[in-house]
Amino acid sequence: MPRSPSACTSTLLLVALLAAIAGGPAAASSFEIVPLAGYRVGGAFYDTSIEANRDVQEHASFGIALNLDRTSDTQWELTYSREDTAIEALGSSPTTEPLDLRIDYLQFGGTFFWSEADRTGYEPYVVGGLGLTRFSPSRPGLDERIEPSMNVGVGLRVPLSRRVALRIEARGYLTLLETEGSIFCRSDFGDAACTIHARAKGFWQIEGLIGLAFRL
């Protein structure tokens, strides 16, 4: 389908803005915006109706990070990351079928760099934070869930210019999903309409990410 004129205009304006940022004169600045692309693996729910694990399928993800300098080697960071995936069906059981699922992470924390203050060389760093995870099943009528979570990771920042850097990192997420009953239910029908009768103490995933950091 061809893009609308407004969509094309918005895209051109974004490209022009990023080009201006990348090519503009160096100046004191303290804020970065980082579009991210990634890939997530891990995560499972124990389905008590069939006494077996049902894995979440590995899938591509995308997101954005906003970083604000705190000191010469630390930053505050707000990160959003999204994955459109599915809970797998089990071929050995006729009672299960795949369930499309969107998983969003919103995390607030920070980064710590092992690097020089002027940030002209390669910069390894650690990152971590606390936030929320949202599980959104795509099937109509099923309830979503929002649960507390945390993340920790390591990365490498590679300067490309005074205002642009490549970021490569790996993160692990742990969601504190405490349930002994059912999950992803229809709120208007109660427990009988639950898609997965699950038991879980926690939900973990690992994500590899790559992005471009634009310093404003």
C-alpha atoms as a PDB file:
ATOM      1  CA  MET A   1       0.000   0.000   0.000  1.00  0.00           C
ATOM      2  CA  PRO A   2       1.507   3.436  -0.897  1.00  0.00           C
ATOM      3  CA  ARG A   3       2.296   5.775   1.932  1.00  0.00           C
ATOM      4  CA  SER A   4       0.101   8.784   2.514  1.00  0.00           C
ATOM      5  CA  PRO A   5       1.613  12.252   1.834  1.00  0.00           C
ATOM      6  CA  SER A   6       1.550  13.036   5.567  1.00  0.00           C
ATOM      7  CA  ALA A   7       3.437   9.832   6.403  1.00  0.00           C
ATOM      8  CA  CYS A   8       6.064  10.576   3.742  1.00  0.00           C
ATOM      9  CA  THR A   9       6.440  14.137   4.981  1.00  0.00           C
ATOM     10  CA  SER A  10       6.865  12.987   8.568  1.00  0.00           C
ATOM     11  CA  THR A  11       9.511  10.472   7.494  1.00  0.00           C
ATOM     12  CA  LEU A  12      11.438  13.096   5.524  1.00  0.00           C
ATOM     13  CA  LEU A  13      11.315  15.529   8.448  1.00  0.00           C
ATOM     14  CA  LEU A  14      12.633  12.857  10.820  1.00  0.00           C
ATOM     15  CA  VAL A  15      15.488  11.977   8.442  1.00  0.00           C
ATOM     16  CA  ALA A  16      16.347  15.661   8.028  1.00  0.00           C
ATOM     17  CA  LEU A  17      16.346  16.189  11.800  1.00  0.00           C
ATOM     18  CA  LEU A  18      18.640  13.227  12.443  1.00  0.00           C
ATOM     19  CA  ALA A  19      20.973  14.350   9.649  1.00  0.00           C
ATOM     20  CA  ALA A  20      21.153  17.837  11.141  1.00  0.00           C
ATOM     21  CA  ILE A  21      21.937  16.385  14.555  1.00  0.00           C
ATOM     22  CA  ALA A  22      24.647  14.135  13.137  1.00  0.00           C
ATOM     23  CA  GLY A  23      26.282  16.829  11.041  1.00  0.00           C
ATOM     24  CA  GLY A  24      25.847  19.849  13.277  1.00  0.00           C
ATOM     25  CA  PRO A  25      28.680  21.476  15.230  1.00  0.00           C
ATOM     26  CA  ALA A  26      29.742  19.897  18.485  1.00  0.00           C
ATOM     27  CA  ALA A  27      28.182  21.510  21.533  1.00  0.00           C
ATOM     28  CA  ALA A  28      27.663  20.799  25.181  1.00  0.00           C
ATOM     29  CA  SER A  29      24.660  18.511  25.460  1.00  0.00           C
ATOM     30  CA  SER A  30      23.266  16.116  28.002  1.00  0.00           C
ATOM     31  CA  PHE A  31      20.401  14.214  26.351  1.00  0.00           C
ATOM     32  CA  GLU A  32      20.299  11.223  23.984  1.00  0.00           C
ATOM     33  CA  ILE A  33      17.499   9.529  22.092  1.00  0.00           C
ATOM     34  CA  VAL A  34      18.154   5.931  21.031  1.00  0.00           C
ATOM     35  CA  PRO A  35      15.865   4.023  18.607  1.00  0.00           C
ATOM     36  CA  LEU A  36      16.403   0.291  19.210  1.00  0.00           C
ATOM     37  CA  ALA A  37      15.862  -2.960  17.331  1.00  0.00           C
ATOM     38  CA  GLY A  38      16.262  -6.314  19.023  1.00  0.00           C
ATOM     39  CA  TYR A  39      15.446  -9.987  19.407  1.00  0.00           C
ATOM     40  CA  ARG A  40      13.951 -11.661  22.501  1.00  0.00           C
ATOM     41  CA  VAL A  41      14.112 -15.230  23.704  1.00  0.00           C
ATOM     42  CA  GLY A  42      12.821 -17.037  26.781  1.00  0.00           C
ATOM     43  CA  GLY A  43       9.671 -17.009  28.829  1.00  0.00           C
ATOM     44  CA  ALA A  44       7.158 -19.756  29.559  1.00  0.00           C
ATOM     45  CA  PHE A  45       3.921 -20.430  31.423  1.00  0.00           C
ATOM     46  CA  TYR A  46       3.227 -23.722  33.179  1.00  0.00           C
ATOM     47  CA  ASP A  47      -0.236 -24.766  32.016  1.00  0.00           C
ATOM     48  CA  THR A  48      -1.899 -26.635  34.874  1.00  0.00           C
ATOM     49  CA  SER A  49      -4.693 -27.914  32.636  1.00  0.00           C
ATOM     50  CA  ILE A  50      -2.227 -30.139  30.762  1.00  0.00           C
ATOM     51  CA  GLU A  51       0.658 -30.181  33.304  1.00  0.00           C
ATOM     52  CA  ALA A  52       3.226 -28.883  30.798  1.00  0.00           C
ATOM     53  CA  ASN A  53       5.210 -25.759  29.999  1.00  0.00           C
ATOM     54  CA  ARG A  54       4.074 -23.588  27.116  1.00  0.00           C
ATOM     55  CA  ASP A  55       6.941 -21.473  25.831  1.00  0.00           C
ATOM     56  CA  VAL A  56       6.730 -17.946  24.513  1.00  0.00           C
ATOM     57  CA  GLN A  57       8.096 -17.920  20.967  1.00  0.00           C
ATOM     58  CA  GLU A  58      11.315 -16.013  20.327  1.00  0.00           C
ATOM     59  CA  HIS A  59      10.712 -12.971  18.167  1.00  0.00           C
ATOM     60  CA  ALA A  60      12.032  -9.603  16.982  1.00  0.00           C
ATOM     61  CA  SER A  61      11.452  -6.555  19.183  1.00  0.00           C
ATOM     62  CA  PHE A  62      11.785  -2.800  18.925  1.00  0.00           C
ATOM     63  CA  GLY A  63      11.887   0.134  21.296  1.00  0.00           C
ATOM     64  CA  ILE A  64      13.408   3.444  22.309  1.00  0.00           C
ATOM     65  CA  ALA A  65      15.635   4.696  25.124  1.00  0.00           C
ATOM     66  CA  LEU A  66      15.870   8.240  26.484  1.00  0.00           C
ATOM     67  CA  ASN A  67      19.106   9.024  28.324  1.00  0.00           C
ATOM     68  CA  LEU A  68      19.926  12.050  30.457  1.00  0.00           C
ATOM     69  CA  ASP A  69      23.471  12.633  31.712  1.00  0.00           C
ATOM     70  CA  ARG A  70      23.800  12.522  35.499  1.00  0.00           C
ATOM     71  CA  THR A  71      27.593  12.677  35.796  1.00  0.00           C
ATOM     72  CA  SER A  72      30.447  12.284  33.310  1.00  0.00           C
ATOM     73  CA  ASP A  73      30.123   8.487  33.451  1.00  0.00           C
ATOM     74  CA  THR A  74      26.479   7.854  34.463  1.00  0.00           C
ATOM     75  CA  GLN A  75      23.080   8.481  32.894  1.00  0.00           C
ATOM     76  CA  TRP A  76      19.447   8.236  33.877  1.00  0.00           C
ATOM     77  CA  GLU A  77      17.554   6.075  31.377  1.00  0.00           C
ATOM     78  CA  LEU A  78      13.901   5.520  30.467  1.00  0.00           C
ATOM     79  CA  THR A  79      13.417   2.554  28.131  1.00  0.00           C
ATOM     80  CA  TYR A  80      10.415   1.144  26.276  1.00  0.00           C
ATOM     81  CA  SER A  81      10.592  -2.160  24.394  1.00  0.00           C
ATOM     82  CA  ARG A  82       7.876  -4.155  22.607  1.00  0.00           C
ATOM     83  CA  GLU A  83       7.600  -7.693  21.247  1.00  0.00           C
ATOM     84  CA  ASP A  84       4.698  -9.177  19.258  1.00  0.00           C
ATOM     85  CA  THR A  85       4.939 -12.909  19.859  1.00  0.00           C
ATOM     86  CA  ALA A  86       2.781 -15.941  20.734  1.00  0.00           C
ATOM     87  CA  ILE A  87       2.462 -18.611  23.390  1.00  0.00           C
ATOM     88  CA  GLU A  88       3.148 -21.860  21.577  1.00  0.00           C
ATOM     89  CA  ALA A  89       0.644 -24.641  21.045  1.00  0.00           C
ATOM     90  CA  LEU A  90       1.552 -28.157  22.144  1.00  0.00           C
ATOM     91  CA  GLY A  91       1.264 -30.652  19.309  1.00  0.00           C
ATOM     92  CA  SER A  92       0.763 -33.530  21.709  1.00  0.00           C
ATOM     93  CA  SER A  93      -2.394 -32.009  23.186  1.00  0.00           C
ATOM     94  CA  PRO A  94      -5.599 -31.182  21.299  1.00  0.00           C
ATOM     95  CA  THR A  95      -6.694 -28.846  24.106  1.00  0.00           C
ATOM     96  CA  THR A  96      -4.085 -26.155  23.422  1.00  0.00           C
ATOM     97  CA  GLU A  97      -3.723 -23.673  20.605  1.00  0.00           C
ATOM     98  CA  PRO A  98      -1.326 -20.766  20.077  1.00  0.00           C
ATOM     99  CA  LEU A  99      -2.195 -17.444  21.664  1.00  0.00           C
ATOM    100  CA  ASP A 100      -0.855 -14.248  20.096  1.00  0.00           C
ATOM    101  CA  LEU A 101       0.665 -12.083  22.810  1.00  0.00           C
ATOM    102  CA  ARG A 102       2.220  -8.630  22.966  1.00  0.00           C
ATOM    103  CA  ILE A 103       4.810  -8.039  25.698  1.00  0.00           C
ATOM    104  CA  ASP A 104       5.815  -4.464  26.592  1.00  0.00           C
ATOM    105  CA  TYR A 105       8.526  -3.386  29.023  1.00  0.00           C
ATOM    106  CA  LEU A 106       8.703   0.128  30.465  1.00  0.00           C
ATOM    107  CA  GLN A 107      11.800   0.524  32.631  1.00  0.00           C
ATOM    108  CA  PHE A 108      13.471   3.386  34.493  1.00  0.00           C
ATOM    109  CA  GLY A 109      17.041   3.141  35.696  1.00  0.00           C
ATOM    110  CA  GLY A 110      20.486   4.122  34.573  1.00  0.00           C
ATOM    111  CA  THR A 111      23.769   3.324  32.884  1.00  0.00           C
ATOM    112  CA  PHE A 112      27.356   3.362  34.129  1.00  0.00           C
ATOM    113  CA  PHE A 113      30.206   3.742  31.618  1.00  0.00           C
ATOM    114  CA  TRP A 114      33.827   2.638  31.932  1.00  0.00           C
ATOM    115  CA  SER A 115      35.245   5.327  29.700  1.00  0.00           C
ATOM    116  CA  GLU A 116      36.933   8.677  29.472  1.00  0.00           C
ATOM    117  CA  ALA A 117      34.884  11.733  30.374  1.00  0.00           C
ATOM    118  CA  ASP A 118      34.953  13.113  26.813  1.00  0.00           C
ATOM    119  CA  ARG A 119      33.489   9.868  25.392  1.00  0.00           C
ATOM    120  CA  THR A 120      35.688   9.709  22.297  1.00  0.00           C
ATOM    121  CA  GLY A 121      36.566   6.003  22.515  1.00  0.00           C
ATOM    122  CA  TYR A 122      34.787   2.660  22.881  1.00  0.00           C
ATOM    123  CA  GLU A 123      32.619   2.659  25.995  1.00  0.00           C
ATOM    124  CA  PRO A 124      31.555  -0.568  27.733  1.00  0.00           C
ATOM    125  CA  TYR A 125      28.719  -0.043  30.182  1.00  0.00           C
ATOM    126  CA  VAL A 126      26.251  -1.720  32.495  1.00  0.00           C
ATOM    127  CA  VAL A 127      22.550  -0.869  32.574  1.00  0.00           C
ATOM    128  CA  GLY A 128      19.704  -1.708  34.918  1.00  0.00           C
ATOM    129  CA  GLY A 129      16.393  -0.548  36.236  1.00  0.00           C
ATOM    130  CA  LEU A 130      12.909  -1.220  37.548  1.00  0.00           C
ATOM    131  CA  GLY A 131       9.534  -0.867  35.887  1.00  0.00           C
ATOM    132  CA  LEU A 132       6.477  -2.656  34.555  1.00  0.00           C
ATOM    133  CA  THR A 133       5.666  -5.446  32.131  1.00  0.00           C
ATOM    134  CA  ARG A 134       2.383  -5.552  30.229  1.00  0.00           C
ATOM    135  CA  PHE A 135       1.068  -8.820  28.772  1.00  0.00           C
ATOM    136  CA  SER A 136      -1.617  -8.127  26.131  1.00  0.00           C
ATOM    137  CA  PRO A 137      -3.293 -11.142  24.487  1.00  0.00           C
ATOM    138  CA  SER A 138      -4.674 -10.341  21.052  1.00  0.00           C
ATOM    139  CA  ARG A 139      -7.752 -12.536  21.337  1.00  0.00           C
ATOM    140  CA  PRO A 140     -10.851 -10.327  21.809  1.00  0.00           C
ATOM    141  CA  GLY A 141     -12.183 -10.086  25.350  1.00  0.00           C
ATOM    142  CA  LEU A 142      -9.140 -11.466  27.161  1.00  0.00           C
ATOM    143  CA  ASP A 143      -7.790  -9.397  30.037  1.00  0.00           C
ATOM    144  CA  GLU A 144      -4.285  -7.967  29.917  1.00  0.00           C
ATOM    145  CA  ARG A 145      -1.953  -8.032  32.919  1.00  0.00           C
ATOM    146  CA  ILE A 146       0.506  -5.430  34.190  1.00  0.00           C
ATOM    147  CA  GLU A 147       3.158  -6.674  36.611  1.00  0.00           C
ATOM    148  CA  PRO A 148       6.317  -5.233  38.258  1.00  0.00           C
ATOM    149  CA  SER A 149       9.623  -6.119  36.641  1.00  0.00           C
ATOM    150  CA  MET A 150      13.347  -5.360  36.567  1.00  0.00           C
ATOM    151  CA  ASN A 151      16.174  -5.522  34.060  1.00  0.00           C
ATOM    152  CA  VAL A 152      19.966  -5.714  34.022  1.00  0.00           C
ATOM    153  CA  GLY A 153      22.360  -5.750  31.092  1.00  0.00           C
ATOM    154  CA  VAL A 154      25.736  -4.965  29.560  1.00  0.00           C
ATOM    155  CA  GLY A 155      26.583  -3.068  26.419  1.00  0.00           C
ATOM    156  CA  LEU A 156      29.128  -1.307  24.245  1.00  0.00           C
ATOM    157  CA  ARG A 157      28.846   2.238  22.913  1.00  0.00           C
ATOM    158  CA  VAL A 158      30.840   2.918  19.728  1.00  0.00           C
ATOM    159  CA  PRO A 159      31.145   6.605  18.740  1.00  0.00           C
ATOM    160  CA  LEU A 160      30.505   7.296  15.059  1.00  0.00           C
ATOM    161  CA  SER A 161      30.729  11.084  15.321  1.00  0.00           C
ATOM    162  CA  ARG A 162      30.522  13.766  18.013  1.00  0.00           C
ATOM    163  CA  ARG A 163      26.746  13.366  18.138  1.00  0.00           C
ATOM    164  CA  VAL A 164      26.029   9.817  16.978  1.00  0.00           C
ATOM    165  CA  ALA A 165      27.046   6.481  18.504  1.00  0.00           C
ATOM    166  CA  LEU A 166      26.245   2.830  17.905  1.00  0.00           C
ATOM    167  CA  ARG A 167      24.904   0.941  20.927  1.00  0.00           C
ATOM    168  CA  ILE A 168      25.041  -2.856  21.201  1.00  0.00           C
ATOM    169  CA  GLU A 169      23.712  -4.513  24.331  1.00  0.00           C
ATOM    170  CA  ALA A 170      22.142  -7.543  25.948  1.00  0.00           C
ATOM    171  CA  ARG A 171      19.505  -7.341  28.690  1.00  0.00           C
ATOM    172  CA  GLY A 172      17.760  -9.775  30.955  1.00  0.00           C
ATOM    173  CA  TYR A 173      14.232  -9.089  32.252  1.00  0.00           C
ATOM    174  CA  LEU A 174      12.509 -10.641  35.252  1.00  0.00           C
ATOM    175  CA  THR A 175       8.785 -10.068  35.756  1.00  0.00           C
ATOM    176  CA  LEU A 176       7.362 -10.834  39.195  1.00  0.00           C
ATOM    177  CA  LEU A 177       4.376 -12.799  37.974  1.00  0.00           C
ATOM    178  CA  GLU A 178       2.840 -14.456  41.025  1.00  0.00           C
ATOM    179  CA  THR A 179      -0.117 -16.613  40.046  1.00  0.00           C
ATOM    180  CA  GLU A 180      -1.433 -19.996  41.163  1.00  0.00           C
ATOM    181  CA  GLY A 181      -4.660 -19.884  39.193  1.00  0.00           C
ATOM    182  CA  SER A 182      -5.569 -18.638  35.763  1.00  0.00           C
ATOM    183  CA  ILE A 183      -4.215 -16.026  33.411  1.00  0.00           C
ATOM    184  CA  PHE A 184      -5.574 -14.243  30.309  1.00  0.00           C
ATOM    185  CA  CYS A 185      -9.262 -14.612  31.176  1.00  0.00           C
ATOM    186  CA  ARG A 186     -12.406 -12.977  29.859  1.00  0.00           C
ATOM    187  CA  SER A 187     -13.548 -10.540  32.514  1.00  0.00           C
ATOM    188  CA  ASP A 188     -17.192 -11.000  31.526  1.00  0.00           C
ATOM    189  CA  PHE A 189     -17.198 -14.790  31.826  1.00  0.00           C
ATOM    190  CA  GLY A 190     -14.882 -15.494  34.728  1.00  0.00           C
ATOM    191  CA  ASP A 191     -12.601 -18.461  35.259  1.00  0.00           C
ATOM    192  CA  ALA A 192     -14.416 -20.797  32.864  1.00  0.00           C
ATOM    193  CA  ALA A 193     -13.318 -18.665  29.921  1.00  0.00           C
ATOM    194  CA  CYS A 194      -9.622 -18.555  30.812  1.00  0.00           C
ATOM    195  CA  THR A 195      -7.279 -19.387  27.957  1.00  0.00           C
ATOM    196  CA  ILE A 196      -4.388 -20.613  30.091  1.00  0.00           C
ATOM    197  CA  HIS A 197      -4.695 -22.105  33.566  1.00  0.00           C
ATOM    198  CA  ALA A 198      -1.168 -21.209  34.627  1.00  0.00           C
ATOM    199  CA  ARG A 199       1.164 -21.420  37.569  1.00  0.00           C
ATOM    200  CA  ALA A 200       4.135 -19.039  37.677  1.00  0.00           C
ATOM    201  CA  LYS A 201       6.523 -17.495  40.203  1.00  0.00           C
ATOM    202  CA  GLY A 202       8.379 -15.332  37.701  1.00  0.00           C
ATOM    203  CA  PHE A 203       8.747 -14.706  33.995  1.00  0.00           C
ATOM    204  CA  TRP A 204      12.166 -14.103  32.446  1.00  0.00           C
ATOM    205  CA  GLN A 205      13.385 -13.098  28.999  1.00  0.00           C
ATOM    206  CA  ILE A 206      16.711 -12.175  27.384  1.00  0.00           C
ATOM    207  CA  GLU A 207      16.951  -9.507  24.693  1.00  0.00           C
ATOM    208  CA  GLY A 208      19.751  -8.521  22.314  1.00  0.00           C
ATOM    209  CA  LEU A 209      19.549  -4.897  21.140  1.00  0.00           C
ATOM    210  CA  ILE A 210      21.242  -2.614  18.647  1.00  0.00           C
ATOM    211  CA  GLY A 211      20.554   1.076  18.244  1.00  0.00           C
ATOM    212  CA  LEU A 212      21.817   4.503  17.252  1.00  0.00           C
ATOM    213  CA  ALA A 213      22.254   7.095  19.989  1.00  0.00           C
ATOM    214  CA  PHE A 214      21.589  10.651  18.772  1.00  0.00           C
ATOM    215  CA  ARG A 215      22.973  13.258  21.157  1.00  0.00           C
ATOM    216  CA  LEU A 216      20.833  16.406  21.223  1.00  0.00           C
END
